[in-house]
PDB file of N, CA and C in Angstrom:
ATOM      1  N   MET A   1      51.546 -10.586 138.988  1.00  0.00           N
ATOM      2  CA  MET A   1      51.375 -11.095 137.646  1.00  0.00           C
ATOM      3  C   MET A   1      50.435 -10.210 136.828  1.00  0.00           C
ATOM      4  N   GLN A   2      49.361  -9.774 137.435  1.00  0.00           N
ATOM      5  CA  GLN A   2      48.416  -8.880 136.766  1.00  0.00           C
ATOM      6  C   GLN A   2      49.110  -7.584 136.357  1.00  0.00           C
ATOM      7  N   ASN A   3      49.983  -7.125 137.225  1.00  0.00           N
ATOM      8  CA  ASN A   3      50.718  -5.898 136.949  1.00  0.00           C
ATOM      9  C   ASN A   3      51.588  -6.048 135.700  1.00  0.00           C
ATOM     10  N   GLN A   4      52.222  -7.175 135.549  1.00  0.00           N
ATOM     11  CA  GLN A   4      53.059  -7.431 134.376  1.00  0.00           C
ATOM     12  C   GLN A   4      52.205  -7.481 133.114  1.00  0.00           C
ATOM     13  N   THR A   5      51.040  -8.073 133.219  1.00  0.00           N
ATOM     14  CA  THR A   5      50.136  -8.155 132.077  1.00  0.00           C
ATOM     15  C   THR A   5      49.716  -6.753 131.636  1.00  0.00           C
ATOM     16  N   ASN A   6      49.393  -5.903 132.592  1.00  0.00           N
ATOM     17  CA  ASN A   6      49.026  -4.530 132.261  1.00  0.00           C
ATOM     18  C   ASN A   6      50.197  -3.791 131.624  1.00  0.00           C
ATOM     19  N   LEU A   7      51.376  -4.058 132.134  1.00  0.00           N
ATOM     20  CA  LEU A   7      52.570  -3.436 131.570  1.00  0.00           C
ATOM     21  C   LEU A   7      52.798  -3.915 130.134  1.00  0.00           C
ATOM     22  N   ASP A   8      52.568  -5.196 129.891  1.00  0.00           N
ATOM     23  CA  ASP A   8      52.695  -5.735 128.532  1.00  0.00           C
ATOM     24  C   ASP A   8      51.670  -5.100 127.593  1.00  0.00           C
ATOM     25  N   LYS A   9      50.450  -4.953 128.080  1.00  0.00           N
ATOM     26  CA  LYS A   9      49.402  -4.325 127.270  1.00  0.00           C
ATOM     27  C   LYS A   9      49.783  -2.880 126.938  1.00  0.00           C
ATOM     28  N   LEU A  10      50.255  -2.186 127.944  1.00  0.00           N
ATOM     29  CA  LEU A  10      50.666  -0.801 127.743  1.00  0.00           C
ATOM     30  C   LEU A  10      51.813  -0.724 126.736  1.00  0.00           C
ATOM     31  N   ASN A  11      52.758  -1.615 126.877  1.00  0.00           N
ATOM     32  CA  ASN A  11      53.894  -1.671 125.955  1.00  0.00           C
ATOM     33  C   ASN A  11      53.422  -1.933 124.526  1.00  0.00           C
ATOM     34  N   ASP A  12      52.478  -2.852 124.365  1.00  0.00           N
ATOM     35  CA  ASP A  12      51.927  -3.144 123.039  1.00  0.00           C
ATOM     36  C   ASP A  12      51.243  -1.919 122.443  1.00  0.00           C
ATOM     37  N   LYS A  13      50.468  -1.229 123.268  1.00  0.00           N
ATOM     38  CA  LYS A  13      49.754  -0.038 122.794  1.00  0.00           C
ATOM     39  C   LYS A  13      50.742   1.064 122.390  1.00  0.00           C
ATOM     40  N   VAL A  14      51.754   1.258 123.195  1.00  0.00           N
ATOM     41  CA  VAL A  14      52.766   2.266 122.876  1.00  0.00           C
ATOM     42  C   VAL A  14      53.486   1.891 121.577  1.00  0.00           C
ATOM     43  N   SER A  15      53.777   0.624 121.407  1.00  0.00           N
ATOM     44  CA  SER A  15      54.427   0.168 120.171  1.00  0.00           C
ATOM     45  C   SER A  15      53.535   0.415 118.960  1.00  0.00           C
ATOM     46  N   GLN A  16      52.242   0.161 119.112  1.00  0.00           N
ATOM     47  CA  GLN A  16      51.295   0.417 118.023  1.00  0.00           C
ATOM     48  C   GLN A  16      51.243   1.906 117.685  1.00  0.00           C
ATOM     49  N   ILE A  17      51.192   2.718 118.721  1.00  0.00           N
ATOM     50  CA  ILE A  17      51.152   4.165 118.508  1.00  0.00           C
ATOM     51  C   ILE A  17      52.410   4.631 117.785  1.00  0.00           C
ATOM     52  N   LEU A  18      53.555   4.135 118.191  1.00  0.00           N
ATOM     53  CA  LEU A  18      54.811   4.510 117.531  1.00  0.00           C
ATOM     54  C   LEU A  18      54.839   4.046 116.079  1.00  0.00           C
ATOM     55  N   GLN A  19      54.332   2.853 115.849  1.00  0.00           N
ATOM     56  CA  GLN A  19      54.284   2.336 114.482  1.00  0.00           C
ATOM     57  C   GLN A  19      53.354   3.202 113.625  1.00  0.00           C
ATOM     58  N   ASN A  20      52.192   3.541 114.175  1.00  0.00           N
ATOM     59  CA  ASN A  20      51.262   4.415 113.447  1.00  0.00           C
ATOM     60  C   ASN A  20      51.891   5.783 113.194  1.00  0.00           C
ATOM     61  N   TYR A  21      52.562   6.299 114.192  1.00  0.00           N
ATOM     62  CA  TYR A  21      53.229   7.600 114.056  1.00  0.00           C
ATOM     63  C   TYR A  21      54.249   7.560 112.919  1.00  0.00           C
ATOM     64  N   ASN A  22      55.069   6.525 112.902  1.00  0.00           N
ATOM     65  CA  ASN A  22      56.099   6.414 111.863  1.00  0.00           C
ATOM     66  C   ASN A  22      55.487   6.240 110.476  1.00  0.00           C
ATOM     67  N   THR A  23      54.398   5.489 110.408  1.00  0.00           N
ATOM     68  CA  THR A  23      53.697   5.313 109.135  1.00  0.00           C
ATOM     69  C   THR A  23      53.146   6.648 108.650  1.00  0.00           C
ATOM     70  N   LEU A  24      52.494   7.381 109.545  1.00  0.00           N
ATOM     71  CA  LEU A  24      51.923   8.680 109.181  1.00  0.00           C
ATOM     72  C   LEU A  24      53.014   9.693 108.830  1.00  0.00           C
ATOM     73  N   LYS A  25      54.127   9.609 109.525  1.00  0.00           N
ATOM     74  CA  LYS A  25      55.247  10.504 109.238  1.00  0.00           C
ATOM     75  C   LYS A  25      55.773  10.253 107.822  1.00  0.00           C
ATOM     76  N   GLU A  26      55.873   9.001 107.440  1.00  0.00           N
ATOM     77  CA  GLU A  26      56.334   8.646 106.096  1.00  0.00           C
ATOM     78  C   GLU A  26      55.320   9.094 105.037  1.00  0.00           C
ATOM     79  N   GLU A  27      54.036   8.877 105.319  1.00  0.00           N
ATOM     80  CA  GLU A  27      52.994   9.332 104.394  1.00  0.00           C
ATOM     81  C   GLU A  27      53.053  10.849 104.230  1.00  0.00           C
ATOM     82  N   ASN A  28      53.228  11.545 105.334  1.00  0.00           N
ATOM     83  CA  ASN A  28      53.311  13.004 105.297  1.00  0.00           C
ATOM     84  C   ASN A  28      54.489  13.455 104.434  1.00  0.00           C
ATOM     85  N   LYS A  29      55.611  12.795 104.595  1.00  0.00           N
ATOM     86  CA  LYS A  29      56.801  13.108 103.792  1.00  0.00           C
ATOM     87  C   LYS A  29      56.497  12.913 102.306  1.00  0.00           C
ATOM     88  N   ASN A  30      55.837  11.800 101.984  1.00  0.00           N
ATOM     89  CA  ASN A  30      55.496  11.522 100.586  1.00  0.00           C
ATOM     90  C   ASN A  30      54.520  12.553 100.036  1.00  0.00           C
ATOM     91  N   PHE A  31      53.553  12.958 100.865  1.00  0.00           N
ATOM     92  CA  PHE A  31      52.598  13.980 100.431  1.00  0.00           C
ATOM     93  C   PHE A  31      53.293  15.315 100.196  1.00  0.00           C
ATOM     94  N   ARG A  32      54.235  15.648 101.043  1.00  0.00           N
ATOM     95  CA  ARG A  32      54.970  16.905 100.863  1.00  0.00           C
ATOM     96  C   ARG A  32      55.753  16.893  99.547  1.00  0.00           C
ATOM     97  N   ILE A  33      56.373  15.767  99.253  1.00  0.00           N
ATOM     98  CA  ILE A  33      57.107  15.627  97.988  1.00  0.00           C
ATOM     99  C   ILE A  33      56.142  15.757  96.812  1.00  0.00           C
ATOM    100  N   GLU A  34      54.980  15.119  96.937  1.00  0.00           N
ATOM    101  CA  GLU A  34      53.982  15.189  95.871  1.00  0.00           C
ATOM    102  C   GLU A  34      53.490  16.623  95.668  1.00  0.00           C
ATOM    103  N   VAL A  35      53.290  17.349  96.759  1.00  0.00           N
ATOM    104  CA  VAL A  35      52.851  18.746  96.666  1.00  0.00           C
ATOM    105  C   VAL A  35      53.896  19.580  95.925  1.00  0.00           C
ATOM    106  N   VAL A  36      55.153  19.396  96.261  1.00  0.00           N
ATOM    107  CA  VAL A  36      56.226  20.145  95.594  1.00  0.00           C
ATOM    108  C   VAL A  36      56.244  19.813  94.098  1.00  0.00           C
ATOM    109  N   THR A  37      56.106  18.539  93.779  1.00  0.00           N
ATOM    110  CA  THR A  37      56.094  18.109  92.381  1.00  0.00           C
ATOM    111  C   THR A  37      54.916  18.722  91.631  1.00  0.00           C
ATOM    112  N   LEU A  38      53.739  18.673  92.243  1.00  0.00           N
ATOM    113  CA  LEU A  38      52.542  19.219  91.598  1.00  0.00           C
ATOM    114  C   LEU A  38      52.633  20.730  91.423  1.00  0.00           C
ATOM    115  N   LYS A  39      53.220  21.410  92.395  1.00  0.00           N
ATOM    116  CA  LYS A  39      53.400  22.859  92.266  1.00  0.00           C
ATOM    117  C   LYS A  39      54.332  23.177  91.098  1.00  0.00           C
ATOM    118  N   ALA A  40      55.388  22.393  90.949  1.00  0.00           N
ATOM    119  CA  ALA A  40      56.322  22.609  89.838  1.00  0.00           C
ATOM    120  C   ALA A  40      55.628  22.359  88.501  1.00  0.00           C
ATOM    121  N   GLU A  41      54.846  21.284  88.427  1.00  0.00           N
ATOM    122  CA  GLU A  41      54.105  20.992  87.201  1.00  0.00           C
ATOM    123  C   GLU A  41      53.115  22.112  86.897  1.00  0.00           C
ATOM    124  N   ASN A  42      52.464  22.612  87.932  1.00  0.00           N
ATOM    125  CA  ASN A  42      51.496  23.691  87.766  1.00  0.00           C
ATOM    126  C   ASN A  42      52.171  24.953  87.230  1.00  0.00           C
ATOM    127  N   GLU A  43      53.354  25.235  87.735  1.00  0.00           N
ATOM    128  CA  GLU A  43      54.099  26.409  87.272  1.00  0.00           C
ATOM    129  C   GLU A  43      54.459  26.280  85.794  1.00  0.00           C
ATOM    130  N   VAL A  44      54.875  25.087  85.390  1.00  0.00           N
ATOM    131  CA  VAL A  44      55.204  24.848  83.981  1.00  0.00           C
ATOM    132  C   VAL A  44      53.961  25.056  83.115  1.00  0.00           C
ATOM    133  N   LYS A  45      52.834  24.549  83.582  1.00  0.00           N
ATOM    134  CA  LYS A  45      51.587  24.712  82.822  1.00  0.00           C
ATOM    135  C   LYS A  45      51.167  26.176  82.762  1.00  0.00           C
ATOM    136  N   ASP A  46      51.336  26.901  83.860  1.00  0.00           N
ATOM    137  CA  ASP A  46      51.003  28.330  83.864  1.00  0.00           C
ATOM    138  C   ASP A  46      51.850  29.093  82.846  1.00  0.00           C
ATOM    139  N   ILE A  47      53.122  28.744  82.774  1.00  0.00           N
ATOM    140  CA  ILE A  47      54.016  29.385  81.799  1.00  0.00           C
ATOM    141  C   ILE A  47      53.555  29.064  80.376  1.00  0.00           C
ATOM    142  N   GLU A  48      53.189  27.816  80.143  1.00  0.00           N
ATOM    143  CA  GLU A  48      52.711  27.412  78.814  1.00  0.00           C
ATOM    144  C   GLU A  48      51.408  28.131  78.462  1.00  0.00           C
ATOM    145  N   ILE A  49      50.512  28.260  79.422  1.00  0.00           N
ATOM    146  CA  ILE A  49      49.249  28.972  79.195  1.00  0.00           C
ATOM    147  C   ILE A  49      49.521  30.427  78.837  1.00  0.00           C
ATOM    148  N   GLU A  50      50.420  31.061  79.565  1.00  0.00           N
ATOM    149  CA  GLU A  50      50.754  32.461  79.282  1.00  0.00           C
ATOM    150  C   GLU A  50      51.354  32.603  77.885  1.00  0.00           C
ATOM    151  N   LYS A  51      52.212  31.670  77.518  1.00  0.00           N
ATOM    152  CA  LYS A  51      52.811  31.685  76.181  1.00  0.00           C
ATOM    153  C   LYS A  51      51.721  31.561  75.114  1.00  0.00           C
ATOM    154  N   LEU A  52      50.775  30.657  75.324  1.00  0.00           N
ATOM    155  CA  LEU A  52      49.690  30.470  74.360  1.00  0.00           C
ATOM    156  C   LEU A  52      48.787  31.700  74.284  1.00  0.00           C
ATOM    157  N   ARG A  53      48.563  32.351  75.414  1.00  0.00           N
ATOM    158  CA  ARG A  53      47.766  33.585  75.406  1.00  0.00           C
ATOM    159  C   ARG A  53      48.457  34.668  74.578  1.00  0.00           C
ATOM    160  N   GLU A  54      49.762  34.787  74.772  1.00  0.00           N
ATOM    161  CA  GLU A  54      50.519  35.780  74.007  1.00  0.00           C
ATOM    162  C   GLU A  54      50.487  35.465  72.516  1.00  0.00           C
ATOM    163  N   GLU A  55      50.619  34.184  72.181  1.00  0.00           N
ATOM    164  CA  GLU A  55      50.537  33.782  70.779  1.00  0.00           C
ATOM    165  C   GLU A  55      49.154  34.099  70.216  1.00  0.00           C
ATOM    166  N   ASN A  56      48.134  33.882  71.014  1.00  0.00           N
ATOM    167  CA  ASN A  56      46.766  34.164  70.592  1.00  0.00           C
ATOM    168  C   ASN A  56      46.575  35.659  70.326  1.00  0.00           C
ATOM    169  N   ILE A  57      47.127  36.480  71.192  1.00  0.00           N
ATOM    170  CA  ILE A  57      47.056  37.935  70.998  1.00  0.00           C
ATOM    171  C   ILE A  57      47.755  38.328  69.699  1.00  0.00           C
ATOM    172  N   MET A  58      48.923  37.742  69.456  1.00  0.00           N
ATOM    173  CA  MET A  58      49.661  38.051  68.228  1.00  0.00           C
ATOM    174  C   MET A  58      48.873  37.613  66.990  1.00  0.00           C
ATOM    175  N   LYS A  59      48.223  36.472  67.065  1.00  0.00           N
ATOM    176  CA  LYS A  59      47.408  35.996  65.940  1.00  0.00           C
ATOM    177  C   LYS A  59      46.227  36.933  65.707  1.00  0.00           C
ATOM    178  N   ASP A  60      45.611  37.405  66.794  1.00  0.00           N
ATOM    179  CA  ASP A  60      44.499  38.357  66.664  1.00  0.00           C
ATOM    180  C   ASP A  60      44.965  39.637  65.974  1.00  0.00           C
ATOM    181  N   ILE A  61      46.141  40.119  66.345  1.00  0.00           N
ATOM    182  CA  ILE A  61      46.700  41.323  65.718  1.00  0.00           C
ATOM    183  C   ILE A  61      46.953  41.068  64.235  1.00  0.00           C
ATOM    184  N   GLU A  62      47.491  39.889  63.948  1.00  0.00           N
ATOM    185  CA  GLU A  62      47.755  39.513  62.560  1.00  0.00           C
ATOM    186  C   GLU A  62      46.459  39.498  61.745  1.00  0.00           C
ATOM    187  N   ILE A  63      45.422  38.922  62.317  1.00  0.00           N
ATOM    188  CA  ILE A  63      44.124  38.858  61.636  1.00  0.00           C
ATOM    189  C   ILE A  63      43.588  40.264  61.387  1.00  0.00           C
ATOM    190  N   GLU A  64      43.699  41.124  62.387  1.00  0.00           N
ATOM    191  CA  GLU A  64      43.237  42.509  62.227  1.00  0.00           C
ATOM    192  C   GLU A  64      43.990  43.209  61.098  1.00  0.00           C
ATOM    193  N   GLU A  65      45.292  42.987  61.022  1.00  0.00           N
ATOM    194  CA  GLU A  65      46.095  43.603  59.960  1.00  0.00           C
ATOM    195  C   GLU A  65      45.678  43.086  58.587  1.00  0.00           C
ATOM    196  N   ILE A  66      45.405  41.793  58.499  1.00  0.00           N
ATOM    197  CA  ILE A  66      44.972  41.204  57.225  1.00  0.00           C
ATOM    198  C   ILE A  66      43.622  41.784  56.811  1.00  0.00           C
ATOM    199  N   VAL A  67      42.712  41.889  57.775  1.00  0.00           N
ATOM    200  CA  VAL A  67      41.389  42.456  57.489  1.00  0.00           C
ATOM    201  C   VAL A  67      41.529  43.900  57.022  1.00  0.00           C
ATOM    202  N   GLU A  68      42.380  44.671  57.662  1.00  0.00           N
ATOM    203  CA  GLU A  68      42.603  46.069  57.258  1.00  0.00           C
ATOM    204  C   GLU A  68      43.159  46.154  55.842  1.00  0.00           C
ATOM    205  N   LYS A  69      44.090  45.259  55.506  1.00  0.00           N
ATOM    206  CA  LYS A  69      44.659  45.248  54.154  1.00  0.00           C
ATOM    207  C   LYS A  69      43.585  44.906  53.125  1.00  0.00           C
ATOM    208  N   ILE A  70      42.766  43.913  53.447  1.00  0.00           N
ATOM    209  CA  ILE A  70      41.694  43.518  52.528  1.00  0.00           C
ATOM    210  C   ILE A  70      40.719  44.670  52.339  1.00  0.00           C
ATOM    211  N   GLU A  71      40.365  45.328  53.436  1.00  0.00           N
ATOM    212  CA  GLU A  71      39.433  46.460  53.354  1.00  0.00           C
ATOM    213  C   GLU A  71      40.021  47.605  52.533  1.00  0.00           C
ATOM    214  N   SER A  72      41.320  47.844  52.700  1.00  0.00           N
ATOM    215  CA  SER A  72      41.948  48.937  51.937  1.00  0.00           C
ATOM    216  C   SER A  72      42.021  48.597  50.452  1.00  0.00           C
ATOM    217  N   ILE A  73      42.203  47.324  50.134  1.00  0.00           N
ATOM    218  CA  ILE A  73      42.250  46.895  48.732  1.00  0.00           C
ATOM    219  C   ILE A  73      40.862  47.014  48.101  1.00  0.00           C
ATOM    220  N   LEU A  74      39.847  46.619  48.864  1.00  0.00           N
ATOM    221  CA  LEU A  74      38.484  46.656  48.348  1.00  0.00           C
ATOM    222  C   LEU A  74      37.929  48.072  48.319  1.00  0.00           C
ATOM    223  N   GLY A  75      38.547  48.940  49.050  1.00  0.00           N
ATOM    224  CA  GLY A  75      38.186  50.342  49.028  1.00  0.00           C
ATOM    225  C   GLY A  75      37.122  50.641  49.966  1.00  0.00           C
TER     226      GLY A  75
END
């Protein structure tokens, strides 16, 4: 009888371990999906940042040209 009780305890522990494993496996899957999503969002933001930097450079060039025109007019 004691042997059966130990076997039941062992079975319960193994079941708990399997349940924990499956829970962690599902969490891991969700985290992997989240990482992929965040990487994609990050890439979109990086592209937007680069676009804004280029626009900023163009605006700086425009400002320089305006200043040069004003200076040439003023002599």
